[in-house]
Amino acid sequence: MPVRAFLFDFDGLLVDTELPSRAGWEHVYREHGHELPPEKWALVVGTVGVWDPLAHLEELVGSPLAHDEVHASRRAHEFALIDDEELRPGVLDYLDEAERRGLKRAIVSSSSRPWIDMHLARLAPDVRWDAIVTADHDEARAKPRPDLYLEALALVGVDAADAVAFEDSPNGVRAARSAGIFCVAVPNEVTRSLGLDEADLVLESLAELPPAELIERLD
């Protein structure tokens, strides 16, 4: 396959926001004397609308909670951890190689555009993206549905057979494969135990396989 585009997930793939996100909810659960159920949290990684952790916490507590206060506590804990995060190993090598070869570069994420823009402004302000496609809280478009990837392919003008998707979660892998795209899975601490065997290739880190070597394999 001639590689013409790299399509990247964002959360947990370009930057590890997954661990801080989970930690934020663990923090507020423990504030109320409970533990965040890992099997439930696994459902929400890489998608939206599958499970509501705040509603579940209210069930455990047995009474309504002040939503604004809960979210403020969660976000403060989460953002304090995210501020220490950098781009994951190997990411810049892949972005630079794509630019050098004239490949299209896109972000395909179930998150919101403001969330991604906020982090890109700090972590990758000089990277030119050909497309950034986000679900923006729309469950009908979020992964594991292929919609976001199909939109990204249309925006960058590349066929599915000529693209490579990079994902970190089962929901993301399923979305990419459903769109007919070769998928490289790179787990993080949160997703490592979730099973990514549906991907075409699984790497411990993007730094494990130089981008030129991946392209040569596929070409």
Protein backbone atom coordinates (compact mmCIF):
# COMPACT_ATOMS: atom_id res chain seq x y z
CA MET A 1 0.00 0.00 0.00
CA PRO A 2 1.35 3.47 -0.83
CA VAL A 3 1.09 5.44 2.42
CA ARG A 4 -0.37 8.91 1.83
CA ALA A 5 -1.74 9.84 5.25
CA PHE A 6 -1.15 9.37 8.97
CA LEU A 7 -4.34 9.63 11.04
CA PHE A 8 -3.77 10.00 14.78
CA ASP A 9 -6.08 9.55 17.70
CA PHE A 10 -5.45 12.21 20.34
CA ASP A 11 -6.18 11.19 23.93
CA GLY A 12 -3.77 8.50 25.08
CA LEU A 13 -2.02 8.35 21.70
CA LEU A 14 -0.42 11.73 21.04
CA VAL A 15 -0.43 12.68 24.72
CA ASP A 16 -1.37 10.53 27.68
CA THR A 17 -4.48 12.29 28.91
CA GLU A 18 -6.09 8.92 29.68
CA LEU A 19 -4.31 8.33 32.98
CA PRO A 20 -5.00 11.85 34.34
CA SER A 21 -8.63 11.60 33.19
CA ARG A 22 -9.14 8.36 35.07
CA ALA A 23 -7.26 9.72 38.08
CA GLY A 24 -9.58 12.74 38.21
CA TRP A 25 -12.62 10.52 38.53
CA GLU A 26 -10.85 8.23 41.00
CA HIS A 27 -10.17 11.32 43.09
CA VAL A 28 -13.81 12.42 43.31
CA TYR A 29 -15.04 8.87 43.91
CA ARG A 30 -12.67 8.56 46.87
CA GLU A 31 -13.76 11.96 48.16
CA HIS A 32 -17.20 10.36 48.54
CA GLY A 33 -15.96 7.08 49.99
CA HIS A 34 -16.10 4.91 46.88
CA GLU A 35 -13.83 3.46 44.19
CA LEU A 36 -14.18 4.03 40.47
CA PRO A 37 -15.07 0.63 38.93
CA PRO A 38 -12.34 -0.19 36.38
CA GLU A 39 -14.60 -2.41 34.30
CA LYS A 40 -17.02 0.50 33.84
CA TRP A 41 -14.28 3.01 33.09
CA ALA A 42 -12.93 0.73 30.36
CA LEU A 43 -16.19 1.27 28.47
CA VAL A 44 -15.67 5.02 28.07
CA VAL A 45 -12.07 5.03 26.85
CA GLY A 46 -11.97 6.34 23.29
CA THR A 47 -15.68 7.11 23.04
CA VAL A 48 -18.49 9.15 24.62
CA GLY A 49 -21.91 8.50 26.10
CA VAL A 50 -21.47 4.84 26.98
CA TRP A 51 -21.45 5.25 30.77
CA ASP A 52 -21.97 8.19 33.12
CA PRO A 53 -19.52 8.10 36.05
CA LEU A 54 -21.25 10.96 37.88
CA ALA A 55 -24.66 9.30 37.71
CA HIS A 56 -23.10 6.08 38.96
CA LEU A 57 -21.42 7.92 41.85
CA GLU A 58 -24.78 9.43 42.81
CA GLU A 59 -26.27 5.94 42.88
CA LEU A 60 -23.50 4.77 45.20
CA VAL A 61 -23.86 7.80 47.48
CA GLY A 62 -27.64 7.49 47.47
CA SER A 63 -28.38 11.16 46.87
CA PRO A 64 -27.86 13.88 44.26
CA LEU A 65 -24.50 15.64 44.21
CA ALA A 66 -23.54 19.21 43.33
CA HIS A 67 -22.40 18.60 39.75
CA ASP A 68 -20.43 21.82 39.39
CA GLU A 69 -18.47 21.09 42.57
CA VAL A 70 -17.74 17.50 41.58
CA HIS A 71 -16.52 18.50 38.13
CA ALA A 72 -14.42 21.34 39.55
CA SER A 73 -12.67 18.94 41.93
CA ARG A 74 -12.19 16.37 39.17
CA ARG A 75 -10.82 18.87 36.66
CA ALA A 76 -8.41 20.42 39.17
CA HIS A 77 -6.91 17.01 39.92
CA GLU A 78 -6.88 15.96 36.24
CA PHE A 79 -5.34 19.17 34.90
CA ALA A 80 -2.61 19.18 37.53
CA LEU A 81 -1.47 15.82 36.14
CA ILE A 82 -1.95 16.68 32.46
CA ASP A 83 0.22 19.78 32.81
CA ASP A 84 3.19 17.47 33.37
CA GLU A 85 2.53 15.43 30.22
CA GLU A 86 4.45 15.82 26.97
CA LEU A 87 3.93 14.24 23.56
CA ARG A 88 4.36 10.50 23.85
CA PRO A 89 7.66 8.91 22.70
CA GLY A 90 8.06 8.68 18.94
CA VAL A 91 5.19 11.03 18.10
CA LEU A 92 7.38 13.86 16.85
CA ASP A 93 9.37 11.43 14.70
CA TYR A 94 6.18 10.33 12.97
CA LEU A 95 4.96 13.89 12.50
CA ASP A 96 8.31 14.99 11.09
CA GLU A 97 8.54 12.00 8.75
CA ALA A 98 5.04 12.69 7.45
CA GLU A 99 5.97 16.29 6.73
CA ARG A 100 9.23 15.28 5.05
CA ARG A 101 7.42 12.83 2.74
CA GLY A 102 4.45 15.09 2.07
CA LEU A 103 1.96 12.80 3.82
CA LYS A 104 -1.31 14.18 5.12
CA ARG A 105 -1.51 14.54 8.91
CA ALA A 106 -4.83 14.46 10.73
CA ILE A 107 -6.23 14.04 14.22
CA VAL A 108 -9.32 11.85 14.56
CA SER A 109 -10.79 11.95 18.05
CA SER A 110 -13.97 11.30 20.02
CA SER A 111 -13.07 14.32 22.17
CA SER A 112 -14.03 17.94 21.56
CA ARG A 113 -12.19 20.43 19.36
CA PRO A 114 -11.57 22.97 22.18
CA TRP A 115 -10.00 20.22 24.32
CA ILE A 116 -7.61 19.25 21.54
CA ASP A 117 -6.78 22.82 20.55
CA MET A 118 -5.94 23.66 24.16
CA HIS A 119 -3.35 20.88 24.39
CA LEU A 120 -1.93 21.37 20.89
CA ALA A 121 -1.26 25.02 21.67
CA ARG A 122 1.12 23.90 24.40
CA LEU A 123 2.52 20.66 23.01
CA ALA A 124 2.66 21.05 19.22
CA PRO A 125 2.08 24.69 18.27
CA ASP A 126 4.16 24.48 15.09
CA VAL A 127 2.58 21.35 13.59
CA ARG A 128 0.35 21.97 10.58
CA TRP A 129 -2.60 19.59 10.55
CA ASP A 130 -4.45 18.88 7.33
CA ALA A 131 -7.58 18.00 9.30
CA ILE A 132 -8.80 17.73 12.87
CA VAL A 133 -12.02 15.74 13.17
CA THR A 134 -13.78 15.50 16.54
CA ALA A 135 -17.03 14.04 17.84
CA ASP A 136 -17.79 17.08 20.05
CA HIS A 137 -20.06 15.08 22.39
CA ASP A 138 -22.07 13.61 19.50
CA GLU A 139 -22.57 9.94 20.38
CA ALA A 140 -23.79 9.19 16.85
CA ARG A 141 -20.35 10.05 15.40
CA ALA A 142 -18.03 8.88 18.16
CA LYS A 143 -15.83 5.80 17.96
CA PRO A 144 -16.18 2.82 17.64
CA ARG A 145 -18.28 4.03 14.71
CA PRO A 146 -16.18 4.69 11.59
CA ASP A 147 -17.76 8.10 10.90
CA LEU A 148 -14.90 10.25 12.18
CA TYR A 149 -12.32 8.35 10.14
CA LEU A 150 -14.45 8.47 7.02
CA GLU A 151 -14.83 12.24 7.46
CA ALA A 152 -11.06 12.62 7.91
CA LEU A 153 -10.33 10.62 4.76
CA ALA A 154 -12.69 12.81 2.78
CA LEU A 155 -11.13 15.99 4.16
CA VAL A 156 -7.55 14.99 3.32
CA GLY A 157 -8.52 13.40 -0.01
CA VAL A 158 -7.01 9.99 0.67
CA ASP A 159 -8.50 6.51 0.22
CA ALA A 160 -8.72 4.23 3.24
CA ALA A 161 -6.26 1.82 1.62
CA ASP A 162 -3.61 4.56 1.51
CA ALA A 163 -3.84 5.66 5.14
CA VAL A 164 -2.51 4.47 8.48
CA ALA A 165 -4.42 5.05 11.72
CA PHE A 166 -2.72 5.19 15.11
CA GLU A 167 -4.87 4.30 18.09
CA ASP A 168 -4.58 3.40 21.77
CA SER A 169 -8.00 1.93 22.64
CA PRO A 170 -10.27 -0.90 21.50
CA ASN A 171 -12.97 1.60 20.52
CA GLY A 172 -10.48 3.50 18.38
CA VAL A 173 -9.10 0.37 16.75
CA ARG A 174 -12.59 -0.80 15.84
CA ALA A 175 -13.42 2.59 14.33
CA ALA A 176 -10.30 2.60 12.16
CA ARG A 177 -10.72 -1.00 11.03
CA SER A 178 -14.43 -0.43 10.30
CA ALA A 179 -13.36 2.41 8.01
CA GLY A 180 -11.01 0.01 6.20
CA ILE A 181 -7.81 1.64 7.48
CA PHE A 182 -4.62 -0.17 8.50
CA CYS A 183 -4.39 0.37 12.25
CA VAL A 184 -1.35 0.56 14.51
CA ALA A 185 -2.23 0.29 18.19
CA VAL A 186 0.00 1.85 20.85
CA PRO A 187 -1.37 1.15 24.33
CA ASN A 188 -0.86 3.30 27.40
CA GLU A 189 -1.14 2.44 31.08
CA VAL A 190 -4.93 2.66 31.00
CA THR A 191 -5.50 0.68 27.79
CA ARG A 192 -2.70 -1.87 28.00
CA SER A 193 -4.95 -4.41 29.74
CA LEU A 194 -7.99 -3.83 27.53
CA GLY A 195 -6.85 -5.93 24.57
CA LEU A 196 -5.85 -4.39 21.25
CA ASP A 197 -5.48 -7.56 19.21
CA GLU A 198 -7.97 -6.33 16.60
CA ALA A 199 -5.31 -3.91 15.37
CA ASP A 200 -3.11 -4.82 12.39
CA LEU A 201 0.03 -4.04 14.41
CA VAL A 202 0.58 -3.45 18.14
CA LEU A 203 3.61 -1.51 19.40
CA GLU A 204 4.61 -0.73 22.96
CA SER A 205 5.65 2.73 21.75
CA LEU A 206 5.89 4.60 18.47
CA ALA A 207 9.59 4.94 19.31
CA GLU A 208 9.82 1.15 18.94
CA LEU A 209 9.38 1.32 15.15
CA PRO A 210 10.85 4.21 13.14
CA PRO A 211 8.26 5.73 10.79
CA ALA A 212 10.42 5.14 7.72
CA GLU A 213 10.53 1.44 8.53
CA LEU A 214 6.76 1.24 8.93
CA ILE A 215 6.26 2.99 5.60
CA GLU A 216 8.75 0.68 3.89
CA ARG A 217 6.94 -2.36 5.25
CA LEU A 218 3.60 -1.14 3.92
CA ASP A 219 4.97 0.11 0.60
